[in-house]
Amino acid sequence: LSENKSQLILQVSDDGKGFDLREVNKPSRGIGIKNIESRISLIKGVIKFDVAIGKGSSFIIAVPITNPSNH
């Protein structure tokens, strides 16, 4: 977990068996990834996936930091 002047950044990686992102995004596979993407978009964030079968998984989520004094 890190931050810069404009974003809070969460990076999660593993060296597991990985997965095929296209396969898990199929409607028949559930809504897990879609749910994560939807929740992140609600707070104006973005998510980047770096996944492949046999390679492990890496996710980077960046969310803008708002200044409370601007509200």
PDB file of N, CA and C in Angstrom:
ATOM      1  N   LEU A   1       0.864  -1.161   0.000  1.00  0.00           N
ATOM      2  CA  LEU A   1       0.000   0.000   0.000  1.00  0.00           C
ATOM      3  C   LEU A   1       0.906   1.217   0.000  1.00  0.00           C
ATOM      4  N   SER A   2       0.656   2.123  -0.918  1.00  0.00           N
ATOM      5  CA  SER A   2       1.454   3.344  -0.998  1.00  0.00           C
ATOM      6  C   SER A   2       0.560   4.491  -1.446  1.00  0.00           C
ATOM      7  N   GLU A   3       1.128   5.671  -1.412  1.00  0.00           N
ATOM      8  CA  GLU A   3       0.388   6.840  -1.883  1.00  0.00           C
ATOM      9  C   GLU A   3       1.338   7.812  -2.534  1.00  0.00           C
ATOM     10  N   ASN A   4       0.787   8.627  -3.403  1.00  0.00           N
ATOM     11  CA  ASN A   4       1.507   9.768  -3.926  1.00  0.00           C
ATOM     12  C   ASN A   4       0.599  10.975  -3.728  1.00  0.00           C
ATOM     13  N   LYS A   5       0.877  12.077  -4.335  1.00  0.00           N
ATOM     14  CA  LYS A   5       0.085  13.287  -4.095  1.00  0.00           C
ATOM     15  C   LYS A   5      -1.376  13.153  -4.501  1.00  0.00           C
ATOM     16  N   SER A   6      -1.665  12.275  -5.460  1.00  0.00           N
ATOM     17  CA  SER A   6      -3.029  12.216  -5.975  1.00  0.00           C
ATOM     18  C   SER A   6      -3.713  10.855  -5.858  1.00  0.00           C
ATOM     19  N   GLN A   7      -2.966   9.805  -5.479  1.00  0.00           N
ATOM     20  CA  GLN A   7      -3.561   8.473  -5.478  1.00  0.00           C
ATOM     21  C   GLN A   7      -3.120   7.631  -4.283  1.00  0.00           C
ATOM     22  N   LEU A   8      -4.011   6.749  -3.900  1.00  0.00           N
ATOM     23  CA  LEU A   8      -3.713   5.671  -2.973  1.00  0.00           C
ATOM     24  C   LEU A   8      -3.591   4.424  -3.845  1.00  0.00           C
ATOM     25  N   ILE A   9      -2.484   3.685  -3.693  1.00  0.00           N
ATOM     26  CA  ILE A   9      -2.210   2.565  -4.582  1.00  0.00           C
ATOM     27  C   ILE A   9      -2.042   1.282  -3.770  1.00  0.00           C
ATOM     28  N   LEU A  10      -2.796   0.266  -4.148  1.00  0.00           N
ATOM     29  CA  LEU A  10      -2.701  -1.043  -3.527  1.00  0.00           C
ATOM     30  C   LEU A  10      -2.193  -2.014  -4.575  1.00  0.00           C
ATOM     31  N   GLN A  11      -1.094  -2.699  -4.257  1.00  0.00           N
ATOM     32  CA  GLN A  11      -0.565  -3.710  -5.161  1.00  0.00           C
ATOM     33  C   GLN A  11      -0.495  -5.038  -4.429  1.00  0.00           C
ATOM     34  N   VAL A  12      -1.072  -6.056  -5.045  1.00  0.00           N
ATOM     35  CA  VAL A  12      -1.085  -7.403  -4.476  1.00  0.00           C
ATOM     36  C   VAL A  12      -0.538  -8.355  -5.529  1.00  0.00           C
ATOM     37  N   SER A  13       0.435  -9.173  -5.141  1.00  0.00           N
ATOM     38  CA  SER A  13       1.027 -10.140  -6.065  1.00  0.00           C
ATOM     39  C   SER A  13       1.190 -11.482  -5.374  1.00  0.00           C
ATOM     40  N   ASP A  14       1.152 -12.527  -6.182  1.00  0.00           N
ATOM     41  CA  ASP A  14       1.468 -13.846  -5.653  1.00  0.00           C
ATOM     42  C   ASP A  14       2.210 -14.641  -6.727  1.00  0.00           C
ATOM     43  N   ASP A  15       2.785 -15.745  -6.322  1.00  0.00           N
ATOM     44  CA  ASP A  15       3.486 -16.602  -7.272  1.00  0.00           C
ATOM     45  C   ASP A  15       2.754 -17.933  -7.432  1.00  0.00           C
ATOM     46  N   GLY A  16       1.429 -17.859  -7.338  1.00  0.00           N
ATOM     47  CA  GLY A  16       0.580 -19.043  -7.441  1.00  0.00           C
ATOM     48  C   GLY A  16       0.435 -19.539  -8.865  1.00  0.00           C
ATOM     49  N   LYS A  17      -0.604 -20.308  -9.090  1.00  0.00           N
ATOM     50  CA  LYS A  17      -0.799 -20.922 -10.400  1.00  0.00           C
ATOM     51  C   LYS A  17      -1.384 -19.975 -11.432  1.00  0.00           C
ATOM     52  N   GLY A  18      -1.849 -18.800 -11.014  1.00  0.00           N
ATOM     53  CA  GLY A  18      -2.410 -17.826 -11.941  1.00  0.00           C
ATOM     54  C   GLY A  18      -3.759 -18.263 -12.495  1.00  0.00           C
ATOM     55  N   PHE A  19      -4.280 -17.478 -13.436  1.00  0.00           N
ATOM     56  CA  PHE A  19      -5.557 -17.809 -14.064  1.00  0.00           C
ATOM     57  C   PHE A  19      -5.697 -17.029 -15.360  1.00  0.00           C
ATOM     58  N   ASP A  20      -6.662 -17.425 -16.157  1.00  0.00           N
ATOM     59  CA  ASP A  20      -6.962 -16.762 -17.419  1.00  0.00           C
ATOM     60  C   ASP A  20      -8.057 -15.732 -17.150  1.00  0.00           C
ATOM     61  N   LEU A  21      -7.733 -14.456 -17.237  1.00  0.00           N
ATOM     62  CA  LEU A  21      -8.676 -13.384 -16.919  1.00  0.00           C
ATOM     63  C   LEU A  21      -9.908 -13.441 -17.821  1.00  0.00           C
ATOM     64  N   ARG A  22      -9.739 -13.765 -19.089  1.00  0.00           N
ATOM     65  CA  ARG A  22     -10.900 -13.870 -19.997  1.00  0.00           C
ATOM     66  C   ARG A  22     -11.845 -14.976 -19.549  1.00  0.00           C
ATOM     67  N   GLU A  23     -11.278 -16.061 -19.064  1.00  0.00           N
ATOM     68  CA  GLU A  23     -12.099 -17.193 -18.627  1.00  0.00           C
ATOM     69  C   GLU A  23     -12.915 -16.842 -17.385  1.00  0.00           C
ATOM     70  N   VAL A  24     -12.305 -16.182 -16.404  1.00  0.00           N
ATOM     71  CA  VAL A  24     -13.047 -15.870 -15.176  1.00  0.00           C
ATOM     72  C   VAL A  24     -14.035 -14.733 -15.377  1.00  0.00           C
ATOM     73  N   ASN A  25     -13.914 -13.989 -16.454  1.00  0.00           N
ATOM     74  CA  ASN A  25     -14.865 -12.913 -16.743  1.00  0.00           C
ATOM     75  C   ASN A  25     -16.103 -13.388 -17.496  1.00  0.00           C
ATOM     76  N   LYS A  26     -16.153 -14.659 -17.854  1.00  0.00           N
ATOM     77  CA  LYS A  26     -17.335 -15.188 -18.533  1.00  0.00           C
ATOM     78  C   LYS A  26     -18.526 -15.158 -17.573  1.00  0.00           C
ATOM     79  N   PRO A  27     -19.717 -14.819 -18.075  1.00  0.00           N
ATOM     80  CA  PRO A  27     -20.903 -14.740 -17.211  1.00  0.00           C
ATOM     81  C   PRO A  27     -21.177 -16.019 -16.419  1.00  0.00           C
ATOM     82  N   SER A  28     -20.842 -17.160 -16.976  1.00  0.00           N
ATOM     83  CA  SER A  28     -21.110 -18.424 -16.292  1.00  0.00           C
ATOM     84  C   SER A  28     -20.178 -18.666 -15.102  1.00  0.00           C
ATOM     85  N   ARG A  29     -19.148 -17.854 -14.940  1.00  0.00           N
ATOM     86  CA  ARG A  29     -18.156 -18.067 -13.884  1.00  0.00           C
ATOM     87  C   ARG A  29     -18.420 -17.248 -12.626  1.00  0.00           C
ATOM     88  N   GLY A  30     -19.470 -16.484 -12.594  1.00  0.00           N
ATOM     89  CA  GLY A  30     -19.762 -15.691 -11.410  1.00  0.00           C
ATOM     90  C   GLY A  30     -19.450 -14.219 -11.631  1.00  0.00           C
ATOM     91  N   ILE A  31     -19.530 -13.458 -10.544  1.00  0.00           N
ATOM     92  CA  ILE A  31     -19.387 -12.007 -10.675  1.00  0.00           C
ATOM     93  C   ILE A  31     -18.263 -11.434  -9.815  1.00  0.00           C
ATOM     94  N   GLY A  32     -17.363 -12.260  -9.325  1.00  0.00           N
ATOM     95  CA  GLY A  32     -16.306 -11.803  -8.423  1.00  0.00           C
ATOM     96  C   GLY A  32     -15.478 -10.650  -8.966  1.00  0.00           C
ATOM     97  N   ILE A  33     -14.849 -10.849 -10.121  1.00  0.00           N
ATOM     98  CA  ILE A  33     -14.001  -9.808 -10.722  1.00  0.00           C
ATOM     99  C   ILE A  33     -14.844  -8.605 -11.122  1.00  0.00           C
ATOM    100  N   LYS A  34     -15.998  -8.844 -11.721  1.00  0.00           N
ATOM    101  CA  LYS A  34     -16.883  -7.736 -12.118  1.00  0.00           C
ATOM    102  C   LYS A  34     -17.304  -6.918 -10.896  1.00  0.00           C
ATOM    103  N   ASN A  35     -17.562  -7.578  -9.785  1.00  0.00           N
ATOM    104  CA  ASN A  35     -17.950  -6.895  -8.559  1.00  0.00           C
ATOM    105  C   ASN A  35     -16.816  -5.998  -8.057  1.00  0.00           C
ATOM    106  N   ILE A  36     -15.600  -6.502  -8.096  1.00  0.00           N
ATOM    107  CA  ILE A  36     -14.441  -5.705  -7.688  1.00  0.00           C
ATOM    108  C   ILE A  36     -14.299  -4.491  -8.593  1.00  0.00           C
ATOM    109  N   GLU A  37     -14.371  -4.706  -9.906  1.00  0.00           N
ATOM    110  CA  GLU A  37     -14.248  -3.599 -10.863  1.00  0.00           C
ATOM    111  C   GLU A  37     -15.344  -2.553 -10.647  1.00  0.00           C
ATOM    112  N   SER A  38     -16.548  -3.001 -10.392  1.00  0.00           N
ATOM    113  CA  SER A  38     -17.667  -2.093 -10.173  1.00  0.00           C
ATOM    114  C   SER A  38     -17.460  -1.237  -8.924  1.00  0.00           C
ATOM    115  N   ARG A  39     -17.029  -1.860  -7.853  1.00  0.00           N
ATOM    116  CA  ARG A  39     -16.816  -1.120  -6.606  1.00  0.00           C
ATOM    117  C   ARG A  39     -15.689  -0.104  -6.738  1.00  0.00           C
ATOM    118  N   ILE A  40     -14.640  -0.480  -7.441  1.00  0.00           N
ATOM    119  CA  ILE A  40     -13.522   0.441  -7.648  1.00  0.00           C
ATOM    120  C   ILE A  40     -13.957   1.618  -8.508  1.00  0.00           C
ATOM    121  N   SER A  41     -14.753   1.365  -9.540  1.00  0.00           N
ATOM    122  CA  SER A  41     -15.199   2.462 -10.405  1.00  0.00           C
ATOM    123  C   SER A  41     -16.105   3.437  -9.661  1.00  0.00           C
ATOM    124  N   LEU A  42     -16.849   2.943  -8.675  1.00  0.00           N
ATOM    125  CA  LEU A  42     -17.713   3.831  -7.884  1.00  0.00           C
ATOM    126  C   LEU A  42     -16.930   4.903  -7.144  1.00  0.00           C
ATOM    127  N   ILE A  43     -15.695   4.588  -6.793  1.00  0.00           N
ATOM    128  CA  ILE A  43     -14.857   5.568  -6.088  1.00  0.00           C
ATOM    129  C   ILE A  43     -13.804   6.165  -7.027  1.00  0.00           C
ATOM    130  N   LYS A  44     -14.108   6.090  -8.328  1.00  0.00           N
ATOM    131  CA  LYS A  44     -13.278   6.689  -9.386  1.00  0.00           C
ATOM    132  C   LYS A  44     -11.880   6.089  -9.466  1.00  0.00           C
ATOM    133  N   GLY A  45     -11.759   4.829  -9.074  1.00  0.00           N
ATOM    134  CA  GLY A  45     -10.476   4.150  -9.131  1.00  0.00           C
ATOM    135  C   GLY A  45     -10.334   3.313 -10.386  1.00  0.00           C
ATOM    136  N   VAL A  46      -9.153   2.750 -10.550  1.00  0.00           N
ATOM    137  CA  VAL A  46      -8.879   1.853 -11.664  1.00  0.00           C
ATOM    138  C   VAL A  46      -8.156   0.619 -11.126  1.00  0.00           C
ATOM    139  N   ILE A  47      -8.313  -0.482 -11.840  1.00  0.00           N
ATOM    140  CA  ILE A  47      -7.619  -1.710 -11.481  1.00  0.00           C
ATOM    141  C   ILE A  47      -6.919  -2.242 -12.716  1.00  0.00           C
ATOM    142  N   LYS A  48      -5.708  -2.716 -12.515  1.00  0.00           N
ATOM    143  CA  LYS A  48      -4.934  -3.308 -13.598  1.00  0.00           C
ATOM    144  C   LYS A  48      -4.578  -4.732 -13.173  1.00  0.00           C
ATOM    145  N   PHE A  49      -4.853  -5.681 -14.046  1.00  0.00           N
ATOM    146  CA  PHE A  49      -4.546  -7.077 -13.793  1.00  0.00           C
ATOM    147  C   PHE A  49      -3.329  -7.482 -14.615  1.00  0.00           C
ATOM    148  N   ASP A  50      -2.432  -8.220 -14.011  1.00  0.00           N
ATOM    149  CA  ASP A  50      -1.336  -8.859 -14.731  1.00  0.00           C
ATOM    150  C   ASP A  50      -1.358 -10.314 -14.288  1.00  0.00           C
ATOM    151  N   VAL A  51      -2.096 -11.123 -15.026  1.00  0.00           N
ATOM    152  CA  VAL A  51      -2.308 -12.524 -14.641  1.00  0.00           C
ATOM    153  C   VAL A  51      -2.119 -13.423 -15.854  1.00  0.00           C
ATOM    154  N   ALA A  52      -1.675 -14.625 -15.595  1.00  0.00           N
ATOM    155  CA  ALA A  52      -1.562 -15.638 -16.637  1.00  0.00           C
ATOM    156  C   ALA A  52      -1.433 -16.995 -15.965  1.00  0.00           C
ATOM    157  N   ILE A  53      -1.953 -17.999 -16.607  1.00  0.00           N
ATOM    158  CA  ILE A  53      -1.858 -19.349 -16.066  1.00  0.00           C
ATOM    159  C   ILE A  53      -0.381 -19.728 -15.959  1.00  0.00           C
ATOM    160  N   GLY A  54      -0.002 -20.231 -14.800  1.00  0.00           N
ATOM    161  CA  GLY A  54       1.375 -20.640 -14.553  1.00  0.00           C
ATOM    162  C   GLY A  54       2.315 -19.508 -14.190  1.00  0.00           C
ATOM    163  N   LYS A  55       1.833 -18.284 -14.147  1.00  0.00           N
ATOM    164  CA  LYS A  55       2.688 -17.125 -13.906  1.00  0.00           C
ATOM    165  C   LYS A  55       2.413 -16.439 -12.574  1.00  0.00           C
ATOM    166  N   GLY A  56       1.310 -16.750 -11.936  1.00  0.00           N
ATOM    167  CA  GLY A  56       0.932 -16.017 -10.735  1.00  0.00           C
ATOM    168  C   GLY A  56       0.004 -14.871 -11.095  1.00  0.00           C
ATOM    169  N   SER A  57      -0.224 -14.019 -10.124  1.00  0.00           N
ATOM    170  CA  SER A  57      -1.171 -12.928 -10.314  1.00  0.00           C
ATOM    171  C   SER A  57      -0.642 -11.646  -9.694  1.00  0.00           C
ATOM    172  N   SER A  58      -0.971 -10.534 -10.324  1.00  0.00           N
ATOM    173  CA  SER A  58      -0.638  -9.223  -9.778  1.00  0.00           C
ATOM    174  C   SER A  58      -1.804  -8.289 -10.082  1.00  0.00           C
ATOM    175  N   PHE A  59      -2.203  -7.534  -9.077  1.00  0.00           N
ATOM    176  CA  PHE A  59      -3.288  -6.573  -9.214  1.00  0.00           C
ATOM    177  C   PHE A  59      -2.794  -5.238  -8.685  1.00  0.00           C
ATOM    178  N   ILE A  60      -3.074  -4.189  -9.404  1.00  0.00           N
ATOM    179  CA  ILE A  60      -2.767  -2.838  -8.935  1.00  0.00           C
ATOM    180  C   ILE A  60      -4.061  -2.047  -8.965  1.00  0.00           C
ATOM    181  N   ILE A  61      -4.428  -1.514  -7.813  1.00  0.00           N
ATOM    182  CA  ILE A  61      -5.622  -0.688  -7.696  1.00  0.00           C
ATOM    183  C   ILE A  61      -5.171   0.717  -7.318  1.00  0.00           C
ATOM    184  N   ALA A  62      -5.611   1.698  -8.079  1.00  0.00           N
ATOM    185  CA  ALA A  62      -5.290   3.102  -7.797  1.00  0.00           C
ATOM    186  C   ALA A  62      -6.591   3.865  -7.597  1.00  0.00           C
ATOM    187  N   VAL A  63      -6.666   4.579  -6.486  1.00  0.00           N
ATOM    188  CA  VAL A  63      -7.858   5.339  -6.130  1.00  0.00           C
ATOM    189  C   VAL A  63      -7.435   6.785  -5.878  1.00  0.00           C
ATOM    190  N   PRO A  64      -8.143   7.741  -6.467  1.00  0.00           N
ATOM    191  CA  PRO A  64      -7.767   9.136  -6.243  1.00  0.00           C
ATOM    192  C   PRO A  64      -7.973   9.541  -4.782  1.00  0.00           C
ATOM    193  N   ILE A  65      -7.043  10.350  -4.309  1.00  0.00           N
ATOM    194  CA  ILE A  65      -7.157  10.909  -2.958  1.00  0.00           C
ATOM    195  C   ILE A  65      -7.861  12.247  -3.086  1.00  0.00           C
ATOM    196  N   THR A  66      -8.900  12.407  -2.290  1.00  0.00           N
ATOM    197  CA  THR A  66      -9.598  13.693  -2.293  1.00  0.00           C
ATOM    198  C   THR A  66      -9.153  14.509  -1.086  1.00  0.00           C
ATOM    199  N   ASN A  67      -9.117  15.768  -1.249  1.00  0.00           N
ATOM    200  CA  ASN A  67      -8.737  16.656  -0.169  1.00  0.00           C
ATOM    201  C   ASN A  67      -9.991  17.047   0.609  1.00  0.00           C
ATOM    202  N   PRO A  68     -10.099  16.668   1.894  1.00  0.00           N
ATOM    203  CA  PRO A  68     -11.315  16.967   2.664  1.00  0.00           C
ATOM    204  C   PRO A  68     -11.641  18.453   2.715  1.00  0.00           C
ATOM    205  N   SER A  69     -10.654  19.309   2.567  1.00  0.00           N
ATOM    206  CA  SER A  69     -10.923  20.739   2.640  1.00  0.00           C
ATOM    207  C   SER A  69     -11.649  21.247   1.384  1.00  0.00           C
ATOM    208  N   ASN A  70     -11.691  20.420   0.336  1.00  0.00           N
ATOM    209  CA  ASN A  70     -12.385  20.814  -0.897  1.00  0.00           C
ATOM    210  C   ASN A  70     -13.865  20.498  -0.853  1.00  0.00           C
ATOM    211  N   HIS A  71     -14.368  19.893   0.230  1.00  0.00           N
ATOM    212  CA  HIS A  71     -15.781  19.511   0.306  1.00  0.00           C
ATOM    213  C   HIS A  71     -16.560  20.443   1.176  1.00  0.00           C
TER     214      HIS A  71
END
